[in-house]
């Protein structure tokens, strides 16, 4: 009985860990060469975030580790972005939490 309980607990923990990992088909950040008119490269040490046309634009003055979560805490995307502006296109609307280095903000799409 104890062996069976441990097996079930192990499977449950493995399934939870697999669902918490970022899936291979998750949205990916892409470096943006041409920017919309109201999005500019960062001129100071701050990260700038702009939402436009169902995409998140993130401008960073240096390479930055970025994570995007749902409001329930599930990881949507994570990556290390180079300096400059990058874009993440999302298919679903909603409220997300974006963490870029030590900067954290709420993003609504």
PDB file of N, CA and C in Angstrom:
ATOM      1  N   UNK A   1       0.822  -1.201   0.000  1.00  0.00           N
ATOM      2  CA  UNK A   1       0.000   0.000   0.000  1.00  0.00           C
ATOM      3  C   UNK A   1       0.867   1.266   0.000  1.00  0.00           C
ATOM      4  N   UNK A   2       1.902   1.295   0.834  1.00  0.00           N
ATOM      5  CA  UNK A   2       2.783   2.453   0.903  1.00  0.00           C
ATOM      6  C   UNK A   2       3.543   2.640  -0.404  1.00  0.00           C
ATOM      7  N   UNK A   3       3.961   1.535  -1.029  1.00  0.00           N
ATOM      8  CA  UNK A   3       4.662   1.612  -2.311  1.00  0.00           C
ATOM      9  C   UNK A   3       3.759   2.217  -3.375  1.00  0.00           C
ATOM     10  N   UNK A   4       2.511   1.790  -3.397  1.00  0.00           N
ATOM     11  CA  UNK A   4       1.550   2.326  -4.379  1.00  0.00           C
ATOM     12  C   UNK A   4       1.306   3.817  -4.137  1.00  0.00           C
ATOM     13  N   UNK A   5       1.186   4.216  -2.880  1.00  0.00           N
ATOM     14  CA  UNK A   5       0.983   5.626  -2.548  1.00  0.00           C
ATOM     15  C   UNK A   5       2.182   6.467  -2.984  1.00  0.00           C
ATOM     16  N   UNK A   6       3.388   5.956  -2.751  1.00  0.00           N
ATOM     17  CA  UNK A   6       4.589   6.674  -3.185  1.00  0.00           C
ATOM     18  C   UNK A   6       4.650   6.778  -4.705  1.00  0.00           C
ATOM     19  N   UNK A   7       4.243   5.738  -5.415  1.00  0.00           N
ATOM     20  CA  UNK A   7       4.234   5.769  -6.875  1.00  0.00           C
ATOM     21  C   UNK A   7       3.254   6.816  -7.385  1.00  0.00           C
ATOM     22  N   UNK A   8       2.084   6.887  -6.784  1.00  0.00           N
ATOM     23  CA  UNK A   8       1.076   7.877  -7.192  1.00  0.00           C
ATOM     24  C   UNK A   8       1.578   9.288  -6.900  1.00  0.00           C
ATOM     25  N   UNK A   9       2.192   9.485  -5.734  1.00  0.00           N
ATOM     26  CA  UNK A   9       2.727  10.792  -5.377  1.00  0.00           C
ATOM     27  C   UNK A   9       3.836  11.207  -6.339  1.00  0.00           C
ATOM     28  N   UNK A  10       4.704  10.273  -6.709  1.00  0.00           N
ATOM     29  CA  UNK A  10       5.784  10.563  -7.650  1.00  0.00           C
ATOM     30  C   UNK A  10       5.227  10.965  -9.004  1.00  0.00           C
ATOM     31  N   UNK A  11       4.215  10.244  -9.492  1.00  0.00           N
ATOM     32  CA  UNK A  11       3.602  10.586 -10.780  1.00  0.00           C
ATOM     33  C   UNK A  11       2.923  11.947 -10.724  1.00  0.00           C
ATOM     34  N   UNK A  12       2.272  12.251  -9.623  1.00  0.00           N
ATOM     35  CA  UNK A  12       1.601  13.541  -9.473  1.00  0.00           C
ATOM     36  C   UNK A  12       2.615  14.682  -9.487  1.00  0.00           C
ATOM     37  N   UNK A  13       3.716  14.520  -8.763  1.00  0.00           N
ATOM     38  CA  UNK A  13       4.748  15.558  -8.746  1.00  0.00           C
ATOM     39  C   UNK A  13       5.407  15.714 -10.106  1.00  0.00           C
ATOM     40  N   UNK A  14       5.630  14.618 -10.816  1.00  0.00           N
ATOM     41  CA  UNK A  14       6.227  14.689 -12.154  1.00  0.00           C
ATOM     42  C   UNK A  14       5.293  15.419 -13.115  1.00  0.00           C
ATOM     43  N   UNK A  15       3.992  15.145 -13.026  1.00  0.00           N
ATOM     44  CA  UNK A  15       3.028  15.825 -13.896  1.00  0.00           C
ATOM     45  C   UNK A  15       2.967  17.314 -13.586  1.00  0.00           C
ATOM     46  N   UNK A  16       3.038  17.672 -12.318  1.00  0.00           N
ATOM     47  CA  UNK A  16       3.014  19.092 -11.937  1.00  0.00           C
ATOM     48  C   UNK A  16       4.260  19.806 -12.446  1.00  0.00           C
ATOM     49  N   UNK A  17       5.404  19.157 -12.352  1.00  0.00           N
ATOM     50  CA  UNK A  17       6.641  19.766 -12.836  1.00  0.00           C
ATOM     51  C   UNK A  17       6.609  19.921 -14.343  1.00  0.00           C
ATOM     52  N   UNK A  18       6.061  18.940 -15.056  1.00  0.00           N
ATOM     53  CA  UNK A  18       5.980  19.024 -16.518  1.00  0.00           C
ATOM     54  C   UNK A  18       5.044  20.141 -16.944  1.00  0.00           C
ATOM     55  N   UNK A  19       3.942  20.332 -16.237  1.00  0.00           N
ATOM     56  CA  UNK A  19       3.012  21.394 -16.619  1.00  0.00           C
ATOM     57  C   UNK A  19       3.561  22.772 -16.277  1.00  0.00           C
ATOM     58  N   UNK A  20       4.461  22.866 -15.303  1.00  0.00           N
ATOM     59  CA  UNK A  20       5.045  24.150 -14.935  1.00  0.00           C
ATOM     60  C   UNK A  20       6.141  24.571 -15.902  1.00  0.00           C
ATOM     61  N   UNK A  21       6.728  23.628 -16.619  1.00  0.00           N
ATOM     62  CA  UNK A  21       7.795  23.951 -17.565  1.00  0.00           C
ATOM     63  C   UNK A  21       7.209  24.655 -18.780  1.00  0.00           C
ATOM     64  N   UNK A  22       8.025  25.472 -19.438  1.00  0.00           N
ATOM     65  CA  UNK A  22       7.581  26.165 -20.632  1.00  0.00           C
ATOM     66  C   UNK A  22       7.505  25.179 -21.788  1.00  0.00           C
ATOM     67  N   UNK A  23       6.340  25.020 -22.426  1.00  0.00           N
ATOM     68  CA  UNK A  23       6.235  24.086 -23.535  1.00  0.00           C
ATOM     69  C   UNK A  23       7.060  24.534 -24.737  1.00  0.00           C
ATOM     70  N   UNK A  24       7.431  23.557 -25.571  1.00  0.00           N
ATOM     71  CA  UNK A  24       8.262  23.848 -26.741  1.00  0.00           C
ATOM     72  C   UNK A  24       7.541  24.755 -27.734  1.00  0.00           C
ATOM     73  N   UNK A  25       6.218  24.690 -27.784  1.00  0.00           N
ATOM     74  CA  UNK A  25       5.462  25.502 -28.737  1.00  0.00           C
ATOM     75  C   UNK A  25       4.997  26.829 -28.131  1.00  0.00           C
ATOM     76  N   UNK A  26       5.605  27.242 -27.020  1.00  0.00           N
ATOM     77  CA  UNK A  26       5.235  28.513 -26.399  1.00  0.00           C
ATOM     78  C   UNK A  26       5.704  29.670 -27.273  1.00  0.00           C
ATOM     79  N   UNK A  27       5.118  30.844 -27.093  1.00  0.00           N
ATOM     80  CA  UNK A  27       5.533  32.003 -27.890  1.00  0.00           C
ATOM     81  C   UNK A  27       7.007  32.311 -27.665  1.00  0.00           C
ATOM     82  N   UNK A  28       7.682  32.782 -28.693  1.00  0.00           N
ATOM     83  CA  UNK A  28       9.110  33.097 -28.610  1.00  0.00           C
ATOM     84  C   UNK A  28       9.326  34.580 -28.871  1.00  0.00           C
ATOM     85  N   UNK A  29      10.267  35.166 -28.145  1.00  0.00           N
ATOM     86  CA  UNK A  29      10.650  36.549 -28.363  1.00  0.00           C
ATOM     87  C   UNK A  29      11.434  36.650 -29.655  1.00  0.00           C
ATOM     88  N   UNK A  30      11.258  37.729 -30.389  1.00  0.00           N
ATOM     89  CA  UNK A  30      12.013  37.967 -31.613  1.00  0.00           C
ATOM     90  C   UNK A  30      12.566  39.382 -31.590  1.00  0.00           C
ATOM     91  N   UNK A  31      13.793  39.539 -32.077  1.00  0.00           N
ATOM     92  CA  UNK A  31      14.416  40.858 -32.144  1.00  0.00           C
ATOM     93  C   UNK A  31      13.741  41.647 -33.255  1.00  0.00           C
ATOM     94  N   UNK A  32      13.432  42.916 -32.978  1.00  0.00           N
ATOM     95  CA  UNK A  32      12.720  43.761 -33.924  1.00  0.00           C
ATOM     96  C   UNK A  32      13.714  44.749 -34.533  1.00  0.00           C
ATOM     97  N   UNK A  33      13.811  44.722 -35.854  1.00  0.00           N
ATOM     98  CA  UNK A  33      14.707  45.646 -36.554  1.00  0.00           C
ATOM     99  C   UNK A  33      14.014  46.975 -36.850  1.00  0.00           C
ATOM    100  N   UNK A  34      12.777  46.901 -37.364  1.00  0.00           N
ATOM    101  CA  UNK A  34      12.014  48.115 -37.658  1.00  0.00           C
ATOM    102  C   UNK A  34      10.917  48.248 -36.612  1.00  0.00           C
ATOM    103  N   UNK A  35      10.822  49.409 -36.023  1.00  0.00           N
ATOM    104  CA  UNK A  35       9.890  49.630 -34.931  1.00  0.00           C
ATOM    105  C   UNK A  35       8.718  50.500 -35.368  1.00  0.00           C
ATOM    106  N   UNK A  36       7.539  50.268 -34.769  1.00  0.00           N
ATOM    107  CA  UNK A  36       6.436  51.209 -34.972  1.00  0.00           C
ATOM    108  C   UNK A  36       6.868  52.591 -34.494  1.00  0.00           C
ATOM    109  N   UNK A  37       6.249  53.622 -35.008  1.00  0.00           N
ATOM    110  CA  UNK A  37       6.671  55.010 -34.773  1.00  0.00           C
ATOM    111  C   UNK A  37       6.729  55.395 -33.292  1.00  0.00           C
ATOM    112  N   UNK A  38       5.812  54.852 -32.458  1.00  0.00           N
ATOM    113  CA  UNK A  38       5.790  55.277 -31.060  1.00  0.00           C
ATOM    114  C   UNK A  38       6.635  54.403 -30.138  1.00  0.00           C
ATOM    115  N   UNK A  39       7.430  53.503 -30.700  1.00  0.00           N
ATOM    116  CA  UNK A  39       8.304  52.661 -29.892  1.00  0.00           C
ATOM    117  C   UNK A  39       9.743  53.063 -30.184  1.00  0.00           C
ATOM    118  N   UNK A  40      10.460  53.429 -29.139  1.00  0.00           N
ATOM    119  CA  UNK A  40      11.832  53.901 -29.312  1.00  0.00           C
ATOM    120  C   UNK A  40      12.804  53.011 -28.552  1.00  0.00           C
ATOM    121  N   UNK A  41      14.061  53.059 -28.969  1.00  0.00           N
ATOM    122  CA  UNK A  41      15.109  52.335 -28.252  1.00  0.00           C
ATOM    123  C   UNK A  41      15.300  53.002 -26.883  1.00  0.00           C
ATOM    124  N   UNK A  42      15.636  52.230 -25.853  1.00  0.00           N
ATOM    125  CA  UNK A  42      15.830  52.821 -24.527  1.00  0.00           C
ATOM    126  C   UNK A  42      17.019  53.778 -24.517  1.00  0.00           C
ATOM    127  N   UNK A  43      16.845  54.940 -23.904  1.00  0.00           N
ATOM    128  CA  UNK A  43      17.909  55.942 -23.840  1.00  0.00           C
ATOM    129  C   UNK A  43      18.544  56.004 -22.454  1.00  0.00           C
ATOM    130  N   UNK A  44      18.010  55.210 -21.507  1.00  0.00           N
ATOM    131  CA  UNK A  44      18.550  55.243 -20.150  1.00  0.00           C
ATOM    132  C   UNK A  44      18.695  53.806 -19.648  1.00  0.00           C
ATOM    133  N   UNK A  45      18.833  53.633 -18.366  1.00  0.00           N
ATOM    134  CA  UNK A  45      19.058  52.307 -17.789  1.00  0.00           C
ATOM    135  C   UNK A  45      17.771  51.548 -17.503  1.00  0.00           C
ATOM    136  N   UNK A  46      16.628  52.077 -17.904  1.00  0.00           N
ATOM    137  CA  UNK A  46      15.349  51.446 -17.594  1.00  0.00           C
ATOM    138  C   UNK A  46      14.846  50.593 -18.751  1.00  0.00           C
ATOM    139  N   UNK A  47      14.115  49.562 -18.404  1.00  0.00           N
ATOM    140  CA  UNK A  47      13.439  48.728 -19.396  1.00  0.00           C
ATOM    141  C   UNK A  47      12.120  49.404 -19.741  1.00  0.00           C
ATOM    142  N   UNK A  48      11.775  49.433 -21.027  1.00  0.00           N
ATOM    143  CA  UNK A  48      10.502  50.006 -21.447  1.00  0.00           C
ATOM    144  C   UNK A  48       9.637  48.905 -22.052  1.00  0.00           C
ATOM    145  N   UNK A  49       8.354  48.884 -21.675  1.00  0.00           N
ATOM    146  CA  UNK A  49       7.423  47.878 -22.170  1.00  0.00           C
ATOM    147  C   UNK A  49       6.238  48.584 -22.798  1.00  0.00           C
ATOM    148  N   UNK A  50       5.907  48.183 -24.033  1.00  0.00           N
ATOM    149  CA  UNK A  50       4.758  48.749 -24.738  1.00  0.00           C
ATOM    150  C   UNK A  50       3.959  47.594 -25.323  1.00  0.00           C
ATOM    151  N   UNK A  51       2.629  47.666 -25.200  1.00  0.00           N
ATOM    152  CA  UNK A  51       1.741  46.664 -25.792  1.00  0.00           C
ATOM    153  C   UNK A  51       1.066  47.294 -26.991  1.00  0.00           C
ATOM    154  N   UNK A  52       1.128  46.596 -28.131  1.00  0.00           N
ATOM    155  CA  UNK A  52       0.526  47.129 -29.349  1.00  0.00           C
ATOM    156  C   UNK A  52       0.156  45.988 -30.284  1.00  0.00           C
ATOM    157  N   UNK A  53      -1.067  45.986 -30.798  1.00  0.00           N
ATOM    158  CA  UNK A  53      -1.535  45.018 -31.790  1.00  0.00           C
ATOM    159  C   UNK A  53      -1.322  43.569 -31.352  1.00  0.00           C
ATOM    160  N   UNK A  54      -1.619  43.271 -30.087  1.00  0.00           N
ATOM    161  CA  UNK A  54      -1.510  41.902 -29.595  1.00  0.00           C
ATOM    162  C   UNK A  54      -0.090  41.427 -29.369  1.00  0.00           C
ATOM    163  N   UNK A  55       0.867  42.345 -29.286  1.00  0.00           N
ATOM    164  CA  UNK A  55       2.268  41.983 -29.057  1.00  0.00           C
ATOM    165  C   UNK A  55       2.839  42.830 -27.927  1.00  0.00           C
ATOM    166  N   UNK A  56       3.818  42.264 -27.247  1.00  0.00           N
ATOM    167  CA  UNK A  56       4.537  42.987 -26.208  1.00  0.00           C
ATOM    168  C   UNK A  56       5.895  43.369 -26.778  1.00  0.00           C
ATOM    169  N   UNK A  57       6.212  44.654 -26.736  1.00  0.00           N
ATOM    170  CA  UNK A  57       7.527  45.145 -27.157  1.00  0.00           C
ATOM    171  C   UNK A  57       8.303  45.476 -25.896  1.00  0.00           C
ATOM    172  N   UNK A  58       9.515  44.966 -25.801  1.00  0.00           N
ATOM    173  CA  UNK A  58      10.359  45.229 -24.648  1.00  0.00           C
ATOM    174  C   UNK A  58      11.671  45.808 -25.145  1.00  0.00           C
ATOM    175  N   UNK A  59      11.993  47.013 -24.679  1.00  0.00           N
ATOM    176  CA  UNK A  59      13.244  47.667 -25.046  1.00  0.00           C
ATOM    177  C   UNK A  59      14.136  47.677 -23.811  1.00  0.00           C
ATOM    178  N   UNK A  60      15.329  47.105 -23.957  1.00  0.00           N
ATOM    179  CA  UNK A  60      16.261  47.013 -22.835  1.00  0.00           C
ATOM    180  C   UNK A  60      17.631  47.550 -23.250  1.00  0.00           C
ATOM    181  N   UNK A  61      18.301  48.271 -22.363  1.00  0.00           N
ATOM    182  CA  UNK A  61      19.605  48.844 -22.700  1.00  0.00           C
ATOM    183  C   UNK A  61      20.740  47.819 -22.699  1.00  0.00           C
ATOM    184  N   UNK A  62      20.505  46.658 -22.104  1.00  0.00           N
ATOM    185  CA  UNK A  62      21.529  45.595 -22.061  1.00  0.00           C
ATOM    186  C   UNK A  62      20.837  44.232 -22.061  1.00  0.00           C
ATOM    187  N   UNK A  63      21.563  43.151 -22.295  1.00  0.00           N
ATOM    188  CA  UNK A  63      20.934  41.816 -22.283  1.00  0.00           C
ATOM    189  C   UNK A  63      20.191  41.586 -20.964  1.00  0.00           C
ATOM    190  N   UNK A  64      18.986  41.039 -21.074  1.00  0.00           N
ATOM    191  CA  UNK A  64      18.106  40.909 -19.915  1.00  0.00           C
ATOM    192  C   UNK A  64      17.397  39.567 -19.923  1.00  0.00           C
ATOM    193  N   UNK A  65      17.292  38.937 -18.749  1.00  0.00           N
ATOM    194  CA  UNK A  65      16.511  37.713 -18.585  1.00  0.00           C
ATOM    195  C   UNK A  65      15.043  38.130 -18.436  1.00  0.00           C
ATOM    196  N   UNK A  66      14.161  37.574 -19.273  1.00  0.00           N
ATOM    197  CA  UNK A  66      12.752  37.962 -19.275  1.00  0.00           C
ATOM    198  C   UNK A  66      11.874  36.728 -19.082  1.00  0.00           C
ATOM    199  N   UNK A  67      10.850  36.883 -18.223  1.00  0.00           N
ATOM    200  CA  UNK A  67       9.865  35.823 -18.011  1.00  0.00           C
ATOM    201  C   UNK A  67       8.479  36.452 -18.075  1.00  0.00           C
ATOM    202  N   UNK A  68       7.547  35.741 -18.707  1.00  0.00           N
ATOM    203  CA  UNK A  68       6.164  36.196 -18.788  1.00  0.00           C
ATOM    204  C   UNK A  68       5.284  35.120 -18.180  1.00  0.00           C
ATOM    205  N   UNK A  69       4.420  35.525 -17.241  1.00  0.00           N
ATOM    206  CA  UNK A  69       3.548  34.599 -16.530  1.00  0.00           C
ATOM    207  C   UNK A  69       2.088  34.988 -16.721  1.00  0.00           C
ATOM    208  N   UNK A  70       1.197  34.002 -16.616  1.00  0.00           N
ATOM    209  CA  UNK A  70      -0.228  34.311 -16.517  1.00  0.00           C
ATOM    210  C   UNK A  70      -0.468  34.815 -15.106  1.00  0.00           C
ATOM    211  N   UNK A  71      -1.644  35.355 -14.848  1.00  0.00           N
ATOM    212  CA  UNK A  71      -1.927  35.823 -13.494  1.00  0.00           C
ATOM    213  C   UNK A  71      -2.063  34.656 -12.518  1.00  0.00           C
ATOM    214  N   UNK A  72      -2.153  33.430 -13.051  1.00  0.00           N
ATOM    215  CA  UNK A  72      -2.200  32.243 -12.196  1.00  0.00           C
ATOM    216  C   UNK A  72      -0.805  31.696 -11.913  1.00  0.00           C
ATOM    217  N   UNK A  73       0.228  32.339 -12.466  1.00  0.00           N
ATOM    218  CA  UNK A  73       1.593  31.934 -12.191  1.00  0.00           C
ATOM    219  C   UNK A  73       2.193  30.947 -13.179  1.00  0.00           C
ATOM    220  N   UNK A  74       1.476  30.609 -14.240  1.00  0.00           N
ATOM    221  CA  UNK A  74       2.013  29.675 -15.233  1.00  0.00           C
ATOM    222  C   UNK A  74       2.950  30.426 -16.176  1.00  0.00           C
ATOM    223  N   UNK A  75       4.094  29.819 -16.474  1.00  0.00           N
ATOM    224  CA  UNK A  75       5.062  30.451 -17.365  1.00  0.00           C
ATOM    225  C   UNK A  75       4.559  30.389 -18.802  1.00  0.00           C
ATOM    226  N   UNK A  76       4.511  31.541 -19.457  1.00  0.00           N
ATOM    227  CA  UNK A  76       4.090  31.625 -20.858  1.00  0.00           C
ATOM    228  C   UNK A  76       5.324  31.621 -21.753  1.00  0.00           C
ATOM    229  N   UNK A  77       6.328  32.409 -21.389  1.00  0.00           N
ATOM    230  CA  UNK A  77       7.551  32.499 -22.179  1.00  0.00           C
ATOM    231  C   UNK A  77       8.682  32.954 -21.275  1.00  0.00           C
ATOM    232  N   UNK A  78       9.875  32.476 -21.579  1.00  0.00           N
ATOM    233  CA  UNK A  78      11.059  32.958 -20.870  1.00  0.00           C
ATOM    234  C   UNK A  78      12.248  32.871 -21.811  1.00  0.00           C
ATOM    235  N   UNK A  79      13.120  33.874 -21.703  1.00  0.00           N
ATOM    236  CA  UNK A  79      14.260  33.925 -22.613  1.00  0.00           C
ATOM    237  C   UNK A  79      15.255  34.957 -22.098  1.00  0.00           C
ATOM    238  N   UNK A  80      16.454  34.917 -22.610  1.00  0.00           N
ATOM    239  CA  UNK A  80      17.453  35.965 -22.350  1.00  0.00           C
ATOM    240  C   UNK A  80      17.515  36.799 -23.618  1.00  0.00           C
ATOM    241  N   UNK A  81      17.097  38.057 -23.502  1.00  0.00           N
ATOM    242  CA  UNK A  81      17.008  38.939 -24.665  1.00  0.00           C
ATOM    243  C   UNK A  81      18.259  39.793 -24.790  1.00  0.00           C
ATOM    244  N   UNK A  82      18.682  40.058 -26.041  1.00  0.00           N
ATOM    245  CA  UNK A  82      19.821  40.955 -26.241  1.00  0.00           C
ATOM    246  C   UNK A  82      19.399  42.403 -26.003  1.00  0.00           C
ATOM    247  N   UNK A  83      20.376  43.291 -25.930  1.00  0.00           N
ATOM    248  CA  UNK A  83      20.070  44.723 -25.818  1.00  0.00           C
ATOM    249  C   UNK A  83      19.320  45.155 -27.069  1.00  0.00           C
ATOM    250  N   UNK A  84      18.412  46.115 -26.905  1.00  0.00           N
ATOM    251  CA  UNK A  84      17.608  46.582 -28.035  1.00  0.00           C
ATOM    252  C   UNK A  84      16.146  46.252 -27.800  1.00  0.00           C
ATOM    253  N   UNK A  85      15.379  46.183 -28.865  1.00  0.00           N
ATOM    254  CA  UNK A  85      13.946  45.945 -28.767  1.00  0.00           C
ATOM    255  C   UNK A  85      13.592  44.570 -29.290  1.00  0.00           C
ATOM    256  N   UNK A  86      12.761  43.869 -28.511  1.00  0.00           N
ATOM    257  CA  UNK A  86      12.281  42.542 -28.884  1.00  0.00           C
ATOM    258  C   UNK A  86      10.771  42.534 -28.794  1.00  0.00           C
ATOM    259  N   UNK A  87      10.153  41.595 -29.530  1.00  0.00           N
ATOM    260  CA  UNK A  87       8.689  41.516 -29.583  1.00  0.00           C
ATOM    261  C   UNK A  87       8.247  40.094 -29.274  1.00  0.00           C
ATOM    262  N   UNK A  88       7.146  39.985 -28.531  1.00  0.00           N
ATOM    263  CA  UNK A  88       6.516  38.698 -28.263  1.00  0.00           C
ATOM    264  C   UNK A  88       5.067  38.799 -28.692  1.00  0.00           C
ATOM    265  N   UNK A  89       4.698  38.013 -29.700  1.00  0.00           N
ATOM    266  CA  UNK A  89       3.303  37.998 -30.164  1.00  0.00           C
ATOM    267  C   UNK A  89       2.544  36.932 -29.382  1.00  0.00           C
ATOM    268  N   UNK A  90       1.386  37.310 -28.857  1.00  0.00           N
ATOM    269  CA  UNK A  90       0.558  36.376 -28.095  1.00  0.00           C
ATOM    270  C   UNK A  90      -0.772  36.176 -28.794  1.00  0.00           C
ATOM    271  N   UNK A  91      -1.228  34.937 -28.826  1.00  0.00           N
ATOM    272  CA  UNK A  91      -2.506  34.652 -29.481  1.00  0.00           C
ATOM    273  C   UNK A  91      -3.681  34.905 -28.545  1.00  0.00           C
ATOM    274  N   UNK A  92      -3.448  34.776 -27.235  1.00  0.00           N
ATOM    275  CA  UNK A  92      -4.547  34.942 -26.282  1.00  0.00           C
ATOM    276  C   UNK A  92      -4.533  36.292 -25.606  1.00  0.00           C
ATOM    277  N   UNK A  93      -5.733  36.820 -25.396  1.00  0.00           N
ATOM    278  CA  UNK A  93      -5.861  38.066 -24.653  1.00  0.00           C
ATOM    279  C   UNK A  93      -5.876  37.747 -23.175  1.00  0.00           C
ATOM    280  N   UNK A  94      -5.503  38.728 -22.362  1.00  0.00           N
ATOM    281  CA  UNK A  94      -5.537  38.515 -20.927  1.00  0.00           C
ATOM    282  C   UNK A  94      -4.603  39.444 -20.189  1.00  0.00           C
ATOM    283  N   UNK A  95      -4.416  39.130 -18.922  1.00  0.00           N
ATOM    284  CA  UNK A  95      -3.528  39.889 -18.056  1.00  0.00           C
ATOM    285  C   UNK A  95      -2.338  38.999 -17.736  1.00  0.00           C
ATOM    286  N   UNK A  96      -1.145  39.549 -17.906  1.00  0.00           N
ATOM    287  CA  UNK A  96       0.092  38.805 -17.694  1.00  0.00           C
ATOM    288  C   UNK A  96       1.000  39.580 -16.750  1.00  0.00           C
ATOM    289  N   UNK A  97       1.964  38.884 -16.161  1.00  0.00           N
ATOM    290  CA  UNK A  97       2.997  39.505 -15.344  1.00  0.00           C
ATOM    291  C   UNK A  97       4.313  39.333 -16.092  1.00  0.00           C
ATOM    292  N   UNK A  98       5.005  40.441 -16.344  1.00  0.00           N
ATOM    293  CA  UNK A  98       6.274  40.433 -17.058  1.00  0.00           C
ATOM    294  C   UNK A  98       7.391  40.771 -16.078  1.00  0.00           C
ATOM    295  N   UNK A  99       8.412  39.922 -16.032  1.00  0.00           N
ATOM    296  CA  UNK A  99       9.577  40.169 -15.187  1.00  0.00           C
ATOM    297  C   UNK A  99      10.793  40.242 -16.092  1.00  0.00           C
ATOM    298  N   UNK A 100      11.434  41.398 -16.111  1.00  0.00           N
ATOM    299  CA  UNK A 100      12.632  41.627 -16.926  1.00  0.00           C
ATOM    300  C   UNK A 100      13.739  42.088 -15.993  1.00  0.00           C
ATOM    301  N   UNK A 101      14.664  41.185 -15.664  1.00  0.00           N
ATOM    302  CA  UNK A 101      15.687  41.508 -14.674  1.00  0.00           C
ATOM    303  C   UNK A 101      15.012  41.770 -13.338  1.00  0.00           C
ATOM    304  N   UNK A 102      15.240  42.933 -12.740  1.00  0.00           N
ATOM    305  CA  UNK A 102      14.597  43.276 -11.466  1.00  0.00           C
ATOM    306  C   UNK A 102      13.299  44.069 -11.669  1.00  0.00           C
ATOM    307  N   UNK A 103      12.948  44.355 -12.924  1.00  0.00           N
ATOM    308  CA  UNK A 103      11.741  45.124 -13.263  1.00  0.00           C
ATOM    309  C   UNK A 103      10.560  44.160 -13.417  1.00  0.00           C
ATOM    310  N   UNK A 104       9.433  44.464 -12.782  1.00  0.00           N
ATOM    311  CA  UNK A 104       8.227  43.640 -12.894  1.00  0.00           C
ATOM    312  C   UNK A 104       7.047  44.560 -13.174  1.00  0.00           C
ATOM    313  N   UNK A 105       6.177  44.135 -14.126  1.00  0.00           N
ATOM    314  CA  UNK A 105       4.990  44.940 -14.411  1.00  0.00           C
ATOM    315  C   UNK A 105       3.841  44.047 -14.870  1.00  0.00           C
ATOM    316  N   UNK A 106       2.656  44.595 -14.820  1.00  0.00           N
ATOM    317  CA  UNK A 106       1.469  43.921 -15.320  1.00  0.00           C
ATOM    318  C   UNK A 106       1.248  44.351 -16.760  1.00  0.00           C
ATOM    319  N   UNK A 107       0.914  43.373 -17.613  1.00  0.00           N
ATOM    320  CA  UNK A 107       0.685  43.648 -19.027  1.00  0.00           C
ATOM    321  C   UNK A 107      -0.707  43.154 -19.376  1.00  0.00           C
ATOM    322  N   UNK A 108      -1.513  44.000 -19.993  1.00  0.00           N
ATOM    323  CA  UNK A 108      -2.851  43.624 -20.425  1.00  0.00           C
ATOM    324  C   UNK A 108      -2.925  43.653 -21.933  1.00  0.00           C
ATOM    325  N   UNK A 109      -3.363  42.557 -22.501  1.00  0.00           N
ATOM    326  CA  UNK A 109      -3.496  42.460 -23.958  1.00  0.00           C
ATOM    327  C   UNK A 109      -4.949  42.229 -24.300  1.00  0.00           C
TER     328      UNK A 109
END
